[in-house]
Amino acid sequence: MQVVLNTRGSFLKKNKNCFLVKTDEKSFEVSTDDVDSILITTSTTITTDAVKFTVENNIGLIFPDHFGDPGGSGL
């Protein structure tokens, strides 16, 4: 699955063996077993622990430019 963070003000952090995603309206956890990549399209806060967690679990971290092309990515 691809986790898409496209809500301004979203927050992504590592929580035990999962990712915790928060917005103003909701929060939920996603297991690393279910995540292939994380796509961040707008102003989102992501912790360094979450970035390290993506690397440790071979999960792609994608930051597209305004045309939708990968402007930066990990893995």
N, C-alpha and C. Protein backbone atom coordinates (compact mmCIF):
# COMPACT_ATOMS: atom_id res chain seq x y z
N MET A 1 0.84 -1.17 0.00
CA MET A 1 0.00 0.00 0.00
C MET A 1 0.89 1.24 0.00
N GLN A 2 0.37 2.29 -0.61
CA GLN A 2 1.07 3.57 -0.57
C GLN A 2 0.29 4.49 0.37
N VAL A 3 0.98 5.04 1.35
CA VAL A 3 0.38 6.03 2.24
C VAL A 3 0.57 7.39 1.58
N VAL A 4 -0.53 8.11 1.39
CA VAL A 4 -0.49 9.42 0.74
C VAL A 4 -0.84 10.48 1.77
N LEU A 5 0.09 11.40 1.99
CA LEU A 5 -0.14 12.52 2.90
C LEU A 5 -0.37 13.76 2.04
N ASN A 6 -1.65 14.12 1.87
CA ASN A 6 -1.99 15.24 0.99
C ASN A 6 -2.86 16.27 1.69
N THR A 7 -2.85 16.26 3.02
CA THR A 7 -3.59 17.24 3.80
C THR A 7 -2.61 18.17 4.49
N ARG A 8 -2.75 19.47 4.22
CA ARG A 8 -1.87 20.46 4.83
C ARG A 8 -1.93 20.33 6.35
N GLY A 9 -0.76 20.28 6.98
CA GLY A 9 -0.68 20.16 8.43
C GLY A 9 -0.65 18.73 8.93
N SER A 10 -0.59 17.76 8.02
CA SER A 10 -0.48 16.35 8.43
C SER A 10 0.80 16.14 9.21
N PHE A 11 0.81 15.07 10.01
CA PHE A 11 1.94 14.75 10.87
C PHE A 11 2.20 13.26 10.76
N LEU A 12 3.46 12.87 10.55
CA LEU A 12 3.84 11.47 10.46
C LEU A 12 4.95 11.20 11.45
N LYS A 13 4.76 10.18 12.28
CA LYS A 13 5.81 9.80 13.22
C LYS A 13 5.83 8.30 13.39
N LYS A 14 6.90 7.80 13.96
CA LYS A 14 7.03 6.38 14.30
C LYS A 14 6.38 6.19 15.66
N ASN A 15 5.58 5.14 15.76
CA ASN A 15 4.95 4.80 17.03
C ASN A 15 5.08 3.30 17.23
N LYS A 16 6.04 2.89 18.05
CA LYS A 16 6.38 1.48 18.26
C LYS A 16 6.79 0.88 16.92
N ASN A 17 6.05 -0.10 16.39
CA ASN A 17 6.41 -0.72 15.11
C ASN A 17 5.48 -0.28 14.00
N CYS A 18 4.90 0.90 14.14
CA CYS A 18 3.94 1.42 13.16
C CYS A 18 4.26 2.87 12.84
N PHE A 19 3.61 3.37 11.80
CA PHE A 19 3.58 4.80 11.53
C PHE A 19 2.29 5.34 12.10
N LEU A 20 2.37 6.50 12.74
CA LEU A 20 1.19 7.20 13.21
C LEU A 20 0.99 8.41 12.32
N VAL A 21 -0.19 8.50 11.72
CA VAL A 21 -0.54 9.62 10.84
C VAL A 21 -1.62 10.42 11.53
N LYS A 22 -1.41 11.73 11.64
CA LYS A 22 -2.40 12.60 12.27
C LYS A 22 -2.74 13.76 11.33
N THR A 23 -4.02 14.10 11.30
CA THR A 23 -4.49 15.32 10.68
C THR A 23 -5.35 16.03 11.72
N ASP A 24 -5.89 17.19 11.38
CA ASP A 24 -6.77 17.88 12.32
C ASP A 24 -8.02 17.06 12.62
N GLU A 25 -8.43 16.23 11.66
CA GLU A 25 -9.69 15.52 11.78
C GLU A 25 -9.58 14.09 12.30
N LYS A 26 -8.45 13.43 12.09
CA LYS A 26 -8.34 12.04 12.50
C LYS A 26 -6.89 11.64 12.71
N SER A 27 -6.70 10.47 13.32
CA SER A 27 -5.37 9.88 13.42
C SER A 27 -5.53 8.37 13.30
N PHE A 28 -4.51 7.74 12.73
CA PHE A 28 -4.55 6.29 12.56
C PHE A 28 -3.13 5.76 12.49
N GLU A 29 -2.98 4.47 12.77
CA GLU A 29 -1.69 3.79 12.70
C GLU A 29 -1.68 2.86 11.49
N VAL A 30 -0.49 2.71 10.90
CA VAL A 30 -0.31 1.81 9.78
C VAL A 30 0.93 0.98 10.06
N SER A 31 0.80 -0.33 9.96
CA SER A 31 1.92 -1.25 10.18
C SER A 31 2.90 -1.16 9.01
N THR A 32 4.18 -1.29 9.31
CA THR A 32 5.19 -1.28 8.25
C THR A 32 5.00 -2.45 7.29
N ASP A 33 4.39 -3.53 7.75
CA ASP A 33 4.13 -4.68 6.88
C ASP A 33 3.19 -4.33 5.74
N ASP A 34 2.37 -3.29 5.93
CA ASP A 34 1.38 -2.91 4.93
C ASP A 34 1.83 -1.77 4.02
N VAL A 35 2.99 -1.17 4.30
CA VAL A 35 3.41 0.04 3.58
C VAL A 35 4.57 -0.25 2.62
N ASP A 36 4.37 0.09 1.34
CA ASP A 36 5.44 -0.01 0.34
C ASP A 36 6.13 1.33 0.15
N SER A 37 5.34 2.42 0.23
CA SER A 37 5.90 3.76 0.04
C SER A 37 5.03 4.80 0.72
N ILE A 38 5.62 5.96 0.95
CA ILE A 38 4.92 7.09 1.54
C ILE A 38 5.10 8.27 0.59
N LEU A 39 3.99 8.84 0.14
CA LEU A 39 3.99 9.96 -0.79
C LEU A 39 3.56 11.20 -0.03
N ILE A 40 4.41 12.22 0.00
CA ILE A 40 4.13 13.46 0.72
C ILE A 40 3.96 14.57 -0.31
N THR A 41 2.73 15.09 -0.42
CA THR A 41 2.43 16.05 -1.49
C THR A 41 2.27 17.48 -1.03
N THR A 42 2.19 17.72 0.27
CA THR A 42 1.95 19.08 0.76
C THR A 42 2.67 19.28 2.09
N SER A 43 2.44 20.41 2.72
CA SER A 43 3.10 20.76 3.97
C SER A 43 2.77 19.73 5.06
N THR A 44 3.72 18.87 5.34
CA THR A 44 3.58 17.80 6.32
C THR A 44 4.78 17.80 7.24
N THR A 45 4.55 17.52 8.50
CA THR A 45 5.64 17.35 9.44
C THR A 45 5.94 15.86 9.54
N ILE A 46 7.22 15.52 9.38
CA ILE A 46 7.65 14.12 9.49
C ILE A 46 8.86 14.09 10.42
N THR A 47 8.82 13.22 11.40
CA THR A 47 9.91 13.17 12.38
C THR A 47 11.12 12.44 11.80
N THR A 48 12.28 12.72 12.35
CA THR A 48 13.49 12.02 11.91
C THR A 48 13.40 10.53 12.24
N ASP A 49 12.74 10.18 13.33
CA ASP A 49 12.53 8.76 13.65
C ASP A 49 11.71 8.07 12.57
N ALA A 50 10.71 8.76 12.02
CA ALA A 50 9.90 8.19 10.95
C ALA A 50 10.73 8.01 9.68
N VAL A 51 11.59 8.99 9.36
CA VAL A 51 12.45 8.87 8.18
C VAL A 51 13.39 7.67 8.35
N LYS A 52 14.02 7.57 9.50
CA LYS A 52 14.92 6.44 9.78
C LYS A 52 14.17 5.11 9.70
N PHE A 53 12.95 5.08 10.19
CA PHE A 53 12.10 3.89 10.18
C PHE A 53 11.79 3.46 8.74
N THR A 54 11.57 4.42 7.84
CA THR A 54 11.32 4.07 6.44
C THR A 54 12.56 3.42 5.83
N VAL A 55 13.72 3.95 6.14
CA VAL A 55 14.97 3.40 5.60
C VAL A 55 15.20 1.98 6.14
N GLU A 56 15.03 1.80 7.45
CA GLU A 56 15.24 0.50 8.07
C GLU A 56 14.30 -0.58 7.52
N ASN A 57 13.12 -0.16 7.05
CA ASN A 57 12.12 -1.10 6.56
C ASN A 57 11.98 -1.09 5.03
N ASN A 58 12.96 -0.47 4.34
CA ASN A 58 12.96 -0.43 2.87
C ASN A 58 11.65 0.11 2.30
N ILE A 59 11.17 1.17 2.89
CA ILE A 59 9.94 1.82 2.44
C ILE A 59 10.33 3.10 1.71
N GLY A 60 9.83 3.27 0.50
CA GLY A 60 10.13 4.46 -0.29
C GLY A 60 9.47 5.70 0.29
N LEU A 61 10.18 6.81 0.28
CA LEU A 61 9.67 8.10 0.76
C LEU A 61 9.75 9.05 -0.43
N ILE A 62 8.60 9.50 -0.94
CA ILE A 62 8.55 10.23 -2.20
C ILE A 62 8.03 11.64 -1.97
N PHE A 63 8.75 12.62 -2.52
CA PHE A 63 8.37 14.03 -2.46
C PHE A 63 8.25 14.56 -3.89
N PRO A 64 7.06 14.52 -4.49
CA PRO A 64 6.92 14.97 -5.87
C PRO A 64 6.98 16.50 -6.00
N ASP A 65 7.39 16.96 -7.19
CA ASP A 65 7.37 18.39 -7.45
C ASP A 65 5.95 18.80 -7.86
N HIS A 66 5.77 20.07 -8.23
CA HIS A 66 4.43 20.55 -8.54
C HIS A 66 3.85 19.98 -9.84
N PHE A 67 4.66 19.25 -10.60
CA PHE A 67 4.17 18.56 -11.81
C PHE A 67 3.81 17.11 -11.50
N GLY A 68 4.11 16.64 -10.28
CA GLY A 68 3.84 15.25 -9.91
C GLY A 68 5.01 14.32 -10.10
N ASP A 69 6.12 14.86 -10.66
CA ASP A 69 7.31 14.05 -10.84
C ASP A 69 8.08 14.00 -9.51
N PRO A 70 8.74 12.86 -9.24
CA PRO A 70 9.52 12.79 -7.99
C PRO A 70 10.59 13.88 -7.93
N GLY A 71 10.39 14.84 -7.03
CA GLY A 71 11.36 15.90 -6.85
C GLY A 71 12.47 15.47 -5.93
N GLY A 72 12.18 14.50 -5.12
CA GLY A 72 13.15 13.91 -4.21
C GLY A 72 12.56 12.62 -3.70
N SER A 73 13.40 11.64 -3.47
CA SER A 73 12.87 10.39 -2.93
C SER A 73 13.97 9.63 -2.22
N GLY A 74 13.57 8.71 -1.41
CA GLY A 74 14.47 7.80 -0.73
C GLY A 74 14.14 6.39 -1.12
N LEU A 75 15.15 5.60 -1.34
CA LEU A 75 15.04 4.21 -1.76
C LEU A 75 14.59 4.16 -3.15
